[in-house]
């Protein structure tokens, strides 16, 4: 059973009412589709009706007093920020995985995903990005994820940041931004696609129903070539066209097989 399902079961036995979370910040509540570990408590909760946010799409560092990262998403709108302190028997990664799986099960699309030192310094994420010193911890025990919710809520972004502190306290920080403007097309990074493929074993692109287009072809080929020892299978109504295009784009033919199942769009499965 997936982590998210186990946590839903743990809260399903009479703990879903906000009235029962006695340790929560007054007036706070969970976000839709983001599960809470049993006995986790909301220790910080803010709602800002109109604020501009910048969410990094890369490892962050500070040079000459300024934050630097490879890419970013800029959006303005209502932002809800929730910080959970987790029970001692669970790690931050467990809460992070449960939240990610639950959001993806509802169709949310990954835009960026990093873990440990690949994210940069924890202190920068805590203080500069999220403005919450509780989130400072070990660089080796942090995870960050930015997702875009599925239609009809495609103009909502959800950011997850989890950390284990040296004090053995663990936190999950969740932010949701409801953009006042259309976010347009947002593409994930190649490293994020590769991390998802290795972690979950699959990549699903239900919108890719036509022949390969250049931006997605570049992203997927680069993602596959980040691990040249892996083999994958492709399924979908344009699977053959995608296989041919990926080979022309530098992915070895021996690494790509065609599957026989019927799927909408493009489905990639990790074979080894």
C-alpha atoms as a PDB file:
ATOM      1  CA  UNK A   1       0.000   0.000   0.000  1.00  0.00           C
ATOM      2  CA  UNK A   2       1.369   3.426  -0.859  1.00  0.00           C
ATOM      3  CA  UNK A   3       2.361   5.829   1.890  1.00  0.00           C
ATOM      4  CA  UNK A   4      -0.443   8.233   1.097  1.00  0.00           C
ATOM      5  CA  UNK A   5      -3.038   5.492   1.509  1.00  0.00           C
ATOM      6  CA  UNK A   6      -1.580   4.438   4.860  1.00  0.00           C
ATOM      7  CA  UNK A   7      -1.739   7.995   6.132  1.00  0.00           C
ATOM      8  CA  UNK A   8      -5.303   8.475   4.913  1.00  0.00           C
ATOM      9  CA  UNK A   9      -6.215   5.338   6.826  1.00  0.00           C
ATOM     10  CA  UNK A  10      -4.493   6.639   9.927  1.00  0.00           C
ATOM     11  CA  UNK A  11      -6.571   9.818   9.895  1.00  0.00           C
ATOM     12  CA  UNK A  12      -9.715   8.143   8.670  1.00  0.00           C
ATOM     13  CA  UNK A  13     -10.699   6.710  12.041  1.00  0.00           C
ATOM     14  CA  UNK A  14     -12.379   9.789  13.412  1.00  0.00           C
ATOM     15  CA  UNK A  15      -9.572  12.332  13.036  1.00  0.00           C
ATOM     16  CA  UNK A  16     -10.675  14.227   9.964  1.00  0.00           C
ATOM     17  CA  UNK A  17     -12.498  17.021  11.763  1.00  0.00           C
ATOM     18  CA  UNK A  18     -10.388  20.166  12.306  1.00  0.00           C
ATOM     19  CA  UNK A  19     -11.922  20.412  15.757  1.00  0.00           C
ATOM     20  CA  UNK A  20      -9.939  17.372  16.842  1.00  0.00           C
ATOM     21  CA  UNK A  21      -6.525  18.897  16.047  1.00  0.00           C
ATOM     22  CA  UNK A  22      -6.135  20.515  19.448  1.00  0.00           C
ATOM     23  CA  UNK A  23      -2.500  21.517  18.897  1.00  0.00           C
ATOM     24  CA  UNK A  24      -3.098  23.416  15.650  1.00  0.00           C
ATOM     25  CA  UNK A  25      -2.698  27.162  15.228  1.00  0.00           C
ATOM     26  CA  UNK A  26      -6.196  28.683  15.693  1.00  0.00           C
ATOM     27  CA  UNK A  27      -8.078  29.191  12.433  1.00  0.00           C
ATOM     28  CA  UNK A  28      -5.825  26.877  10.433  1.00  0.00           C
ATOM     29  CA  UNK A  29      -6.884  23.946   8.277  1.00  0.00           C
ATOM     30  CA  UNK A  30      -5.429  21.473   5.773  1.00  0.00           C
ATOM     31  CA  UNK A  31      -5.311  22.037   2.027  1.00  0.00           C
ATOM     32  CA  UNK A  32      -7.465  19.986  -0.305  1.00  0.00           C
ATOM     33  CA  UNK A  33      -5.829  16.710  -1.409  1.00  0.00           C
ATOM     34  CA  UNK A  34      -2.797  17.133   0.870  1.00  0.00           C
ATOM     35  CA  UNK A  35      -2.845  14.378   3.509  1.00  0.00           C
ATOM     36  CA  UNK A  36      -1.769  14.910   7.092  1.00  0.00           C
ATOM     37  CA  UNK A  37       0.125  12.320   9.127  1.00  0.00           C
ATOM     38  CA  UNK A  38      -1.685  11.215  12.245  1.00  0.00           C
ATOM     39  CA  UNK A  39      -0.622  13.379  15.210  1.00  0.00           C
ATOM     40  CA  UNK A  40       1.047  16.018  13.003  1.00  0.00           C
ATOM     41  CA  UNK A  41       0.291  19.569  14.133  1.00  0.00           C
ATOM     42  CA  UNK A  42       0.040  22.856  12.248  1.00  0.00           C
ATOM     43  CA  UNK A  43       2.551  25.175  13.907  1.00  0.00           C
ATOM     44  CA  UNK A  44       2.432  28.025  11.357  1.00  0.00           C
ATOM     45  CA  UNK A  45      -0.437  29.122   9.122  1.00  0.00           C
ATOM     46  CA  UNK A  46      -0.755  32.255   6.991  1.00  0.00           C
ATOM     47  CA  UNK A  47      -3.038  33.394   4.190  1.00  0.00           C
ATOM     48  CA  UNK A  48      -1.957  36.361   2.062  1.00  0.00           C
ATOM     49  CA  UNK A  49      -4.672  37.517  -0.350  1.00  0.00           C
ATOM     50  CA  UNK A  50      -2.449  39.201  -2.926  1.00  0.00           C
ATOM     51  CA  UNK A  51       1.274  38.519  -3.037  1.00  0.00           C
ATOM     52  CA  UNK A  52       3.898  37.858  -5.679  1.00  0.00           C
ATOM     53  CA  UNK A  53       5.870  34.650  -5.199  1.00  0.00           C
ATOM     54  CA  UNK A  54       8.956  33.276  -6.912  1.00  0.00           C
ATOM     55  CA  UNK A  55       9.377  29.502  -6.823  1.00  0.00           C
ATOM     56  CA  UNK A  56      12.822  28.216  -7.853  1.00  0.00           C
ATOM     57  CA  UNK A  57      13.219  25.549 -10.529  1.00  0.00           C
ATOM     58  CA  UNK A  58      16.755  24.618  -9.615  1.00  0.00           C
ATOM     59  CA  UNK A  59      19.340  24.347  -6.870  1.00  0.00           C
ATOM     60  CA  UNK A  60      19.656  27.637  -4.987  1.00  0.00           C
ATOM     61  CA  UNK A  61      22.781  29.446  -3.878  1.00  0.00           C
ATOM     62  CA  UNK A  62      23.665  32.964  -2.809  1.00  0.00           C
ATOM     63  CA  UNK A  63      26.200  35.017  -4.758  1.00  0.00           C
ATOM     64  CA  UNK A  64      27.052  38.607  -3.806  1.00  0.00           C
ATOM     65  CA  UNK A  65      24.033  38.715  -1.518  1.00  0.00           C
ATOM     66  CA  UNK A  66      21.534  37.599  -4.182  1.00  0.00           C
ATOM     67  CA  UNK A  67      19.775  34.271  -4.637  1.00  0.00           C
ATOM     68  CA  UNK A  68      20.676  32.395  -7.806  1.00  0.00           C
ATOM     69  CA  UNK A  69      18.907  29.441  -9.413  1.00  0.00           C
ATOM     70  CA  UNK A  70      18.603  28.019 -12.907  1.00  0.00           C
ATOM     71  CA  UNK A  71      14.915  28.744 -13.459  1.00  0.00           C
ATOM     72  CA  UNK A  72      11.833  30.025 -11.685  1.00  0.00           C
ATOM     73  CA  UNK A  73       8.079  30.403 -11.785  1.00  0.00           C
ATOM     74  CA  UNK A  74       6.716  33.867 -11.005  1.00  0.00           C
ATOM     75  CA  UNK A  75       3.071  34.194 -10.021  1.00  0.00           C
ATOM     76  CA  UNK A  76       0.805  36.528  -8.088  1.00  0.00           C
ATOM     77  CA  UNK A  77      -2.323  35.690  -6.144  1.00  0.00           C
ATOM     78  CA  UNK A  78      -3.652  34.361  -2.860  1.00  0.00           C
ATOM     79  CA  UNK A  79      -1.090  32.223  -1.053  1.00  0.00           C
ATOM     80  CA  UNK A  80      -1.805  29.826   1.799  1.00  0.00           C
ATOM     81  CA  UNK A  81       1.241  28.568   3.728  1.00  0.00           C
ATOM     82  CA  UNK A  82       1.057  25.729   6.257  1.00  0.00           C
ATOM     83  CA  UNK A  83       3.898  24.268   8.331  1.00  0.00           C
ATOM     84  CA  UNK A  84       3.369  20.897  10.001  1.00  0.00           C
ATOM     85  CA  UNK A  85       5.490  19.609  12.870  1.00  0.00           C
ATOM     86  CA  UNK A  86       5.582  15.850  12.476  1.00  0.00           C
ATOM     87  CA  UNK A  87       5.355  13.206  15.206  1.00  0.00           C
ATOM     88  CA  UNK A  88       8.671  11.803  16.380  1.00  0.00           C
ATOM     89  CA  UNK A  89       8.044   8.346  14.896  1.00  0.00           C
ATOM     90  CA  UNK A  90       7.888   9.674  11.312  1.00  0.00           C
ATOM     91  CA  UNK A  91      10.408  11.346   9.042  1.00  0.00           C
ATOM     92  CA  UNK A  92       9.929  14.407   6.895  1.00  0.00           C
ATOM     93  CA  UNK A  93      10.407  12.288   3.784  1.00  0.00           C
ATOM     94  CA  UNK A  94       7.407  10.126   4.687  1.00  0.00           C
ATOM     95  CA  UNK A  95       5.126  13.162   4.876  1.00  0.00           C
ATOM     96  CA  UNK A  96       6.639  14.584   1.678  1.00  0.00           C
ATOM     97  CA  UNK A  97       6.086  11.331  -0.237  1.00  0.00           C
ATOM     98  CA  UNK A  98       2.501  10.994   0.988  1.00  0.00           C
ATOM     99  CA  UNK A  99       1.694  14.550  -0.118  1.00  0.00           C
ATOM    100  CA  UNK A 100       3.378  14.110  -3.501  1.00  0.00           C
ATOM    101  CA  UNK A 101       1.588  10.840  -4.238  1.00  0.00           C
ATOM    102  CA  UNK A 102      -1.791  12.245  -3.215  1.00  0.00           C
ATOM    103  CA  UNK A 103      -1.415  15.337  -5.402  1.00  0.00           C
ATOM    104  CA  UNK A 104      -0.179  13.338  -8.396  1.00  0.00           C
ATOM    105  CA  UNK A 105      -3.084  10.909  -7.973  1.00  0.00           C
ATOM    106  CA  UNK A 106      -5.349  13.937  -8.565  1.00  0.00           C
ATOM    107  CA  UNK A 107      -3.491  14.797 -11.766  1.00  0.00           C
ATOM    108  CA  UNK A 108      -1.040  17.431 -10.495  1.00  0.00           C
ATOM    109  CA  UNK A 109       1.986  17.871 -12.764  1.00  0.00           C
ATOM    110  CA  UNK A 110       5.540  17.975 -11.427  1.00  0.00           C
ATOM    111  CA  UNK A 111       7.542  21.045 -12.418  1.00  0.00           C
ATOM    112  CA  UNK A 112      10.617  20.658 -10.219  1.00  0.00           C
ATOM    113  CA  UNK A 113      11.811  18.077  -7.677  1.00  0.00           C
ATOM    114  CA  UNK A 114      15.088  18.022  -5.789  1.00  0.00           C
ATOM    115  CA  UNK A 115      16.433  16.186  -2.776  1.00  0.00           C
ATOM    116  CA  UNK A 116      19.340  16.551  -0.347  1.00  0.00           C
ATOM    117  CA  UNK A 117      22.318  18.630  -1.530  1.00  0.00           C
ATOM    118  CA  UNK A 118      20.879  18.810  -5.053  1.00  0.00           C
ATOM    119  CA  UNK A 119      18.526  21.483  -3.638  1.00  0.00           C
ATOM    120  CA  UNK A 120      21.274  23.739  -2.289  1.00  0.00           C
ATOM    121  CA  UNK A 121      21.443  25.080   1.268  1.00  0.00           C
ATOM    122  CA  UNK A 122      18.537  24.394   3.609  1.00  0.00           C
ATOM    123  CA  UNK A 123      19.007  27.767   5.294  1.00  0.00           C
ATOM    124  CA  UNK A 124      18.344  29.534   1.985  1.00  0.00           C
ATOM    125  CA  UNK A 125      15.137  27.606   1.371  1.00  0.00           C
ATOM    126  CA  UNK A 126      13.965  28.247   4.928  1.00  0.00           C
ATOM    127  CA  UNK A 127      14.819  31.927   5.291  1.00  0.00           C
ATOM    128  CA  UNK A 128      14.931  33.309   1.758  1.00  0.00           C
ATOM    129  CA  UNK A 129      12.260  31.301  -0.082  1.00  0.00           C
ATOM    130  CA  UNK A 130       9.724  30.384   2.600  1.00  0.00           C
ATOM    131  CA  UNK A 131      10.556  32.901   5.341  1.00  0.00           C
ATOM    132  CA  UNK A 132      10.347  30.362   8.170  1.00  0.00           C
ATOM    133  CA  UNK A 133      13.398  29.639  10.321  1.00  0.00           C
ATOM    134  CA  UNK A 134      11.798  26.454  11.661  1.00  0.00           C
ATOM    135  CA  UNK A 135      12.667  24.874   8.313  1.00  0.00           C
ATOM    136  CA  UNK A 136      16.453  25.165   8.702  1.00  0.00           C
ATOM    137  CA  UNK A 137      17.961  21.703   8.960  1.00  0.00           C
ATOM    138  CA  UNK A 138      20.340  19.228   7.391  1.00  0.00           C
ATOM    139  CA  UNK A 139      21.058  19.794   3.695  1.00  0.00           C
ATOM    140  CA  UNK A 140      21.149  15.999   3.325  1.00  0.00           C
ATOM    141  CA  UNK A 141      17.615  15.586   4.679  1.00  0.00           C
ATOM    142  CA  UNK A 142      15.600  18.089   2.673  1.00  0.00           C
ATOM    143  CA  UNK A 143      13.233  17.737  -0.274  1.00  0.00           C
ATOM    144  CA  UNK A 144      11.497  20.357  -2.406  1.00  0.00           C
ATOM    145  CA  UNK A 145       8.768  19.951  -4.975  1.00  0.00           C
ATOM    146  CA  UNK A 146       6.736  22.341  -7.124  1.00  0.00           C
ATOM    147  CA  UNK A 147       3.548  21.084  -8.749  1.00  0.00           C
ATOM    148  CA  UNK A 148       0.777  22.519 -10.878  1.00  0.00           C
ATOM    149  CA  UNK A 149      -2.722  21.307 -10.135  1.00  0.00           C
ATOM    150  CA  UNK A 150      -4.780  19.729 -12.913  1.00  0.00           C
ATOM    151  CA  UNK A 151      -7.699  21.392 -14.696  1.00  0.00           C
ATOM    152  CA  UNK A 152      -9.955  23.084 -13.761  1.00  0.00           C
ATOM    153  CA  UNK A 153      -7.487  24.307 -11.101  1.00  0.00           C
ATOM    154  CA  UNK A 154      -4.511  24.577 -13.475  1.00  0.00           C
ATOM    155  CA  UNK A 155      -3.681  28.077 -12.244  1.00  0.00           C
ATOM    156  CA  UNK A 156      -2.873  26.777  -8.770  1.00  0.00           C
ATOM    157  CA  UNK A 157       0.696  25.943  -7.748  1.00  0.00           C
ATOM    158  CA  UNK A 158       1.599  23.779  -4.753  1.00  0.00           C
ATOM    159  CA  UNK A 159       5.083  23.833  -3.239  1.00  0.00           C
ATOM    160  CA  UNK A 160       6.249  21.186  -0.751  1.00  0.00           C
ATOM    161  CA  UNK A 161       9.370  21.434   1.384  1.00  0.00           C
ATOM    162  CA  UNK A 162      10.320  18.852   3.999  1.00  0.00           C
ATOM    163  CA  UNK A 163      13.232  18.867   6.440  1.00  0.00           C
ATOM    164  CA  UNK A 164      14.620  16.866   9.344  1.00  0.00           C
ATOM    165  CA  UNK A 165      16.321  19.117  11.894  1.00  0.00           C
ATOM    166  CA  UNK A 166      19.295  18.242  14.072  1.00  0.00           C
ATOM    167  CA  UNK A 167      16.978  18.443  17.075  1.00  0.00           C
ATOM    168  CA  UNK A 168      15.205  15.411  15.551  1.00  0.00           C
ATOM    169  CA  UNK A 169      12.158  17.508  14.835  1.00  0.00           C
ATOM    170  CA  UNK A 170      10.764  17.090  11.338  1.00  0.00           C
ATOM    171  CA  UNK A 171       8.607  19.516   9.352  1.00  0.00           C
ATOM    172  CA  UNK A 172       6.558  19.583   6.178  1.00  0.00           C
ATOM    173  CA  UNK A 173       5.864  23.005   4.687  1.00  0.00           C
ATOM    174  CA  UNK A 174       3.066  23.333   2.134  1.00  0.00           C
ATOM    175  CA  UNK A 175       2.248  26.411   0.061  1.00  0.00           C
ATOM    176  CA  UNK A 176      -0.594  26.851  -2.387  1.00  0.00           C
ATOM    177  CA  UNK A 177      -0.796  29.858  -4.688  1.00  0.00           C
ATOM    178  CA  UNK A 178      -3.944  30.632  -6.660  1.00  0.00           C
ATOM    179  CA  UNK A 179      -2.650  32.747  -9.527  1.00  0.00           C
ATOM    180  CA  UNK A 180      -4.774  35.711 -10.611  1.00  0.00           C
ATOM    181  CA  UNK A 181      -3.414  35.308 -14.168  1.00  0.00           C
ATOM    182  CA  UNK A 182      -3.238  32.360 -16.518  1.00  0.00           C
ATOM    183  CA  UNK A 183       0.021  30.539 -15.841  1.00  0.00           C
ATOM    184  CA  UNK A 184       0.322  29.486 -19.481  1.00  0.00           C
ATOM    185  CA  UNK A 185       2.548  26.554 -20.397  1.00  0.00           C
ATOM    186  CA  UNK A 186       4.985  25.444 -17.705  1.00  0.00           C
ATOM    187  CA  UNK A 187       7.487  22.691 -18.477  1.00  0.00           C
ATOM    188  CA  UNK A 188       9.293  20.510 -15.942  1.00  0.00           C
ATOM    189  CA  UNK A 189      13.071  20.164 -15.858  1.00  0.00           C
ATOM    190  CA  UNK A 190      14.779  17.126 -17.362  1.00  0.00           C
ATOM    191  CA  UNK A 191      16.287  16.231 -13.984  1.00  0.00           C
ATOM    192  CA  UNK A 192      12.792  16.247 -12.456  1.00  0.00           C
ATOM    193  CA  UNK A 193      11.509  13.828 -15.100  1.00  0.00           C
ATOM    194  CA  UNK A 194      14.465  11.536 -14.469  1.00  0.00           C
ATOM    195  CA  UNK A 195      13.939  11.661 -10.691  1.00  0.00           C
ATOM    196  CA  UNK A 196      10.253  10.841 -11.100  1.00  0.00           C
ATOM    197  CA  UNK A 197      11.005   7.961 -13.459  1.00  0.00           C
ATOM    198  CA  UNK A 198      13.493   6.457 -11.019  1.00  0.00           C
ATOM    199  CA  UNK A 199      11.261   7.016  -7.989  1.00  0.00           C
ATOM    200  CA  UNK A 200       7.900   5.900  -9.390  1.00  0.00           C
ATOM    201  CA  UNK A 201       8.894   3.803 -12.416  1.00  0.00           C
ATOM    202  CA  UNK A 202       6.617   5.704 -14.806  1.00  0.00           C
ATOM    203  CA  UNK A 203       6.081   8.989 -16.599  1.00  0.00           C
ATOM    204  CA  UNK A 204       2.621   9.914 -17.886  1.00  0.00           C
ATOM    205  CA  UNK A 205       1.954  12.656 -20.418  1.00  0.00           C
ATOM    206  CA  UNK A 206      -1.780  12.440 -21.227  1.00  0.00           C
ATOM    207  CA  UNK A 207      -1.664  15.729 -23.158  1.00  0.00           C
ATOM    208  CA  UNK A 208       0.948  14.475 -25.650  1.00  0.00           C
ATOM    209  CA  UNK A 209      -1.558  12.938 -28.074  1.00  0.00           C
ATOM    210  CA  UNK A 210      -0.065  14.338 -31.282  1.00  0.00           C
ATOM    211  CA  UNK A 211       3.261  13.710 -32.961  1.00  0.00           C
ATOM    212  CA  UNK A 212       6.349  14.761 -30.978  1.00  0.00           C
ATOM    213  CA  UNK A 213       6.875  18.484 -30.528  1.00  0.00           C
ATOM    214  CA  UNK A 214      10.322  20.018 -30.063  1.00  0.00           C
ATOM    215  CA  UNK A 215      10.166  21.278 -26.428  1.00  0.00           C
ATOM    216  CA  UNK A 216       8.858  18.016 -24.977  1.00  0.00           C
ATOM    217  CA  UNK A 217      11.123  15.927 -27.207  1.00  0.00           C
ATOM    218  CA  UNK A 218      14.163  17.805 -25.915  1.00  0.00           C
ATOM    219  CA  UNK A 219      13.071  17.463 -22.277  1.00  0.00           C
ATOM    220  CA  UNK A 220      12.305  13.752 -22.465  1.00  0.00           C
ATOM    221  CA  UNK A 221      15.429  12.830 -24.437  1.00  0.00           C
ATOM    222  CA  UNK A 222      17.628  14.749 -22.007  1.00  0.00           C
ATOM    223  CA  UNK A 223      15.878  13.097 -19.061  1.00  0.00           C
ATOM    224  CA  UNK A 224      16.444   9.617 -20.482  1.00  0.00           C
ATOM    225  CA  UNK A 225      20.085  10.369 -21.239  1.00  0.00           C
ATOM    226  CA  UNK A 226      20.762  11.381 -17.641  1.00  0.00           C
ATOM    227  CA  UNK A 227      20.955   7.630 -17.009  1.00  0.00           C
ATOM    228  CA  UNK A 228      22.245   5.908 -20.134  1.00  0.00           C
ATOM    229  CA  UNK A 229      22.037   2.434 -18.513  1.00  0.00           C
ATOM    230  CA  UNK A 230      18.236   2.469 -18.132  1.00  0.00           C
ATOM    231  CA  UNK A 231      15.735   0.902 -20.531  1.00  0.00           C
ATOM    232  CA  UNK A 232      12.142   2.060 -21.008  1.00  0.00           C
ATOM    233  CA  UNK A 233       8.997   1.112 -22.872  1.00  0.00           C
ATOM    234  CA  UNK A 234       6.679   3.565 -24.633  1.00  0.00           C
ATOM    235  CA  UNK A 235       2.940   3.213 -25.071  1.00  0.00           C
ATOM    236  CA  UNK A 236       0.344   5.519 -26.571  1.00  0.00           C
ATOM    237  CA  UNK A 237      -1.232   6.249 -29.938  1.00  0.00           C
ATOM    238  CA  UNK A 238       1.954   8.000 -31.126  1.00  0.00           C
ATOM    239  CA  UNK A 239       4.441   5.725 -29.364  1.00  0.00           C
ATOM    240  CA  UNK A 240       6.214   4.698 -32.569  1.00  0.00           C
ATOM    241  CA  UNK A 241       6.628   8.305 -33.642  1.00  0.00           C
ATOM    242  CA  UNK A 242       8.025   9.196 -30.222  1.00  0.00           C
ATOM    243  CA  UNK A 243      10.454   6.268 -30.309  1.00  0.00           C
ATOM    244  CA  UNK A 244      11.754   7.318 -33.720  1.00  0.00           C
ATOM    245  CA  UNK A 245      12.101  10.940 -32.619  1.00  0.00           C
ATOM    246  CA  UNK A 246      13.884  10.050 -29.374  1.00  0.00           C
ATOM    247  CA  UNK A 247      16.372   7.914 -31.284  1.00  0.00           C
ATOM    248  CA  UNK A 248      17.048  10.774 -33.701  1.00  0.00           C
ATOM    249  CA  UNK A 249      17.520  12.998 -30.654  1.00  0.00           C
ATOM    250  CA  UNK A 250      20.302  10.848 -29.233  1.00  0.00           C
ATOM    251  CA  UNK A 251      18.660   8.101 -27.161  1.00  0.00           C
ATOM    252  CA  UNK A 252      20.059   4.697 -28.133  1.00  0.00           C
ATOM    253  CA  UNK A 253      17.515   2.489 -29.912  1.00  0.00           C
ATOM    254  CA  UNK A 254      18.363  -0.509 -27.712  1.00  0.00           C
ATOM    255  CA  UNK A 255      17.103   1.411 -24.684  1.00  0.00           C
ATOM    256  CA  UNK A 256      13.562   2.013 -25.993  1.00  0.00           C
ATOM    257  CA  UNK A 257      10.893  -0.640 -26.496  1.00  0.00           C
ATOM    258  CA  UNK A 258       7.295  -0.340 -27.609  1.00  0.00           C
ATOM    259  CA  UNK A 259       4.591  -1.515 -25.228  1.00  0.00           C
ATOM    260  CA  UNK A 260       1.272  -3.019 -26.273  1.00  0.00           C
ATOM    261  CA  UNK A 261      -1.156  -1.395 -23.813  1.00  0.00           C
ATOM    262  CA  UNK A 262      -3.593   1.338 -24.826  1.00  0.00           C
ATOM    263  CA  UNK A 263      -3.008   4.641 -23.052  1.00  0.00           C
ATOM    264  CA  UNK A 264      -3.965   8.259 -23.640  1.00  0.00           C
ATOM    265  CA  UNK A 265      -1.059  10.429 -24.683  1.00  0.00           C
ATOM    266  CA  UNK A 266       2.440   9.118 -23.985  1.00  0.00           C
ATOM    267  CA  UNK A 267       3.282   6.664 -21.198  1.00  0.00           C
ATOM    268  CA  UNK A 268       6.893   5.783 -20.326  1.00  0.00           C
ATOM    269  CA  UNK A 269       7.686   2.834 -18.074  1.00  0.00           C
ATOM    270  CA  UNK A 270      11.085   2.042 -16.571  1.00  0.00           C
ATOM    271  CA  UNK A 271      12.145  -1.539 -17.363  1.00  0.00           C
ATOM    272  CA  UNK A 272      15.442  -1.521 -15.496  1.00  0.00           C
END
